[in-house]
Amino acid sequence: MEYLKTSQYIRARLAFQTLINLYPDSKRAADAYFAMGDSFYDEGGTENLLQAWDCYRNAIYASKGNYAAAIPRLKRIIDNYPNFSHYAEAKQLYEASQQYQQASQK
C-alpha cells in the first residue's frame, strides 16, 4: 500500500479499516488487520504498540489461523518489549502459533 511506503499511517489505517468494514469475512480483512498493526508498530510509541497488539490479535482470529503471518510480528513484540503490559499473553500466543504452524506442516 502506497500510504505505508510514504509513512502516511493515518491514511493507511483508514483504508485498511474501510476494507475490514466492507469485507469482514474475507482473507483480505485479516491481511488488513496485520498491515494496520504494522503501521501502528512502525509509527512507534507505547499507545501505538497497544494498538498494534490489538490488530495482530484480531488478524489471527480473522484469518482463522494465519500463523505464518502472525509469528514474526508476535516475536518482534516479545523480543523488543519485555516490559509490555501484554507480554505474557503475546508470548503465549506466539508459542501457540508456532505449535499450530508446525502441526499444520506435518
Protein backbone atom coordinates (compact mmCIF):
# COMPACT_ATOMS: atom_id res chain seq x y z
CA MET A 1 0.00 0.00 0.00
CA GLU A 2 1.37 3.34 -1.07
CA TYR A 3 0.35 5.12 2.14
CA LEU A 4 2.54 2.84 4.24
CA LYS A 5 5.53 3.26 1.95
CA THR A 6 5.35 7.01 2.47
CA SER A 7 4.67 6.79 6.23
CA GLN A 8 1.13 8.16 5.89
CA TYR A 9 -0.02 5.94 8.71
CA ILE A 10 -3.40 7.53 9.40
CA ARG A 11 -4.46 7.35 5.75
CA ALA A 12 -3.25 3.77 5.53
CA ARG A 13 -5.20 2.78 8.63
CA LEU A 14 -8.36 4.43 7.29
CA ALA A 15 -8.01 2.45 4.06
CA PHE A 16 -7.44 -0.79 5.96
CA GLN A 17 -10.38 -0.13 8.28
CA THR A 18 -12.62 0.56 5.29
CA LEU A 19 -11.64 -2.78 3.78
CA ILE A 20 -12.31 -4.55 7.09
CA ASN A 21 -15.71 -2.87 7.40
CA LEU A 22 -16.75 -3.71 3.84
CA TYR A 23 -15.44 -7.29 3.75
CA PRO A 24 -15.18 -8.51 7.36
CA ASP A 25 -15.19 -12.22 6.49
CA SER A 26 -12.65 -12.12 3.66
CA LYS A 27 -9.00 -13.14 3.76
CA ARG A 28 -8.21 -9.54 2.87
CA ALA A 29 -9.70 -8.41 6.18
CA ALA A 30 -7.11 -10.46 8.08
CA ASP A 31 -4.36 -9.06 5.86
CA ALA A 32 -5.67 -5.56 6.55
CA TYR A 33 -5.53 -6.18 10.30
CA PHE A 34 -1.92 -7.33 10.02
CA ALA A 35 -1.00 -4.32 7.87
CA MET A 36 -2.79 -1.93 10.21
CA GLY A 37 -0.92 -3.44 13.13
CA ASP A 38 2.35 -3.00 11.26
CA SER A 39 1.53 0.67 10.70
CA PHE A 40 0.98 1.21 14.43
CA TYR A 41 4.16 -0.71 15.30
CA ASP A 42 6.26 1.19 12.75
CA GLU A 43 4.96 4.54 13.97
CA GLY A 44 6.26 3.74 17.46
CA GLY A 45 5.22 4.70 20.95
CA THR A 46 3.50 2.93 23.80
CA GLU A 47 -0.07 3.63 22.69
CA ASN A 48 0.73 2.51 19.16
CA LEU A 49 2.26 -0.71 20.49
CA LEU A 50 -1.03 -1.45 22.24
CA GLN A 51 -2.92 -0.72 19.02
CA ALA A 52 -0.55 -2.95 17.02
CA TRP A 53 -1.04 -5.77 19.53
CA ASP A 54 -4.82 -5.44 19.25
CA CYS A 55 -4.64 -5.53 15.44
CA TYR A 56 -2.40 -8.61 15.44
CA ARG A 57 -4.78 -10.47 17.75
CA ASN A 58 -7.72 -9.51 15.55
CA ALA A 59 -5.80 -10.62 12.47
CA ILE A 60 -5.08 -14.06 13.90
CA TYR A 61 -8.73 -14.62 14.72
CA ALA A 62 -9.97 -13.11 11.45
CA SER A 63 -7.54 -15.21 9.42
CA LYS A 64 -8.71 -18.37 11.15
CA GLY A 65 -5.15 -19.40 11.81
CA ASN A 66 -2.72 -17.50 9.58
CA TYR A 67 0.07 -18.36 11.96
CA ALA A 68 2.85 -17.87 9.41
CA ALA A 69 1.97 -14.18 9.22
CA ALA A 70 1.48 -13.85 12.96
CA ILE A 71 4.68 -15.47 14.21
CA PRO A 72 7.22 -12.84 13.12
CA ARG A 73 5.01 -10.00 14.32
CA LEU A 74 4.49 -11.54 17.74
CA LYS A 75 8.19 -12.36 18.00
CA ARG A 76 9.04 -8.74 17.26
CA ILE A 77 6.89 -7.64 20.18
CA ILE A 78 8.22 -10.15 22.71
CA ASP A 79 11.85 -9.62 21.64
CA ASN A 80 11.71 -5.83 21.74
CA TYR A 81 9.26 -5.13 24.58
CA PRO A 82 9.87 -7.41 27.57
CA ASN A 83 8.03 -4.95 29.84
CA PHE A 84 4.97 -4.76 27.60
CA SER A 85 1.76 -4.94 29.63
CA HIS A 86 0.52 -7.84 27.49
CA TYR A 87 3.89 -9.59 27.27
CA ALA A 88 2.73 -12.89 28.82
CA GLU A 89 -0.27 -13.09 26.52
CA ALA A 90 1.86 -12.18 23.49
CA LYS A 91 4.42 -14.84 24.38
CA GLN A 92 1.70 -17.45 24.92
CA LEU A 93 0.06 -16.61 21.59
CA TYR A 94 3.46 -16.67 19.89
CA GLU A 95 4.28 -20.12 21.28
CA ALA A 96 0.81 -21.46 20.42
CA SER A 97 1.11 -20.04 16.90
CA GLN A 98 4.43 -21.81 16.45
CA GLN A 99 2.95 -25.11 17.60
CA TYR A 100 -0.09 -24.76 15.32
CA GLN A 101 2.11 -23.79 12.38
CA GLN A 102 4.37 -26.81 12.94
CA ALA A 103 1.39 -29.14 13.30
CA SER A 104 -0.17 -27.87 10.09
CA GLN A 105 3.03 -28.61 8.18
CA LYS A 106 3.02 -32.30 9.15
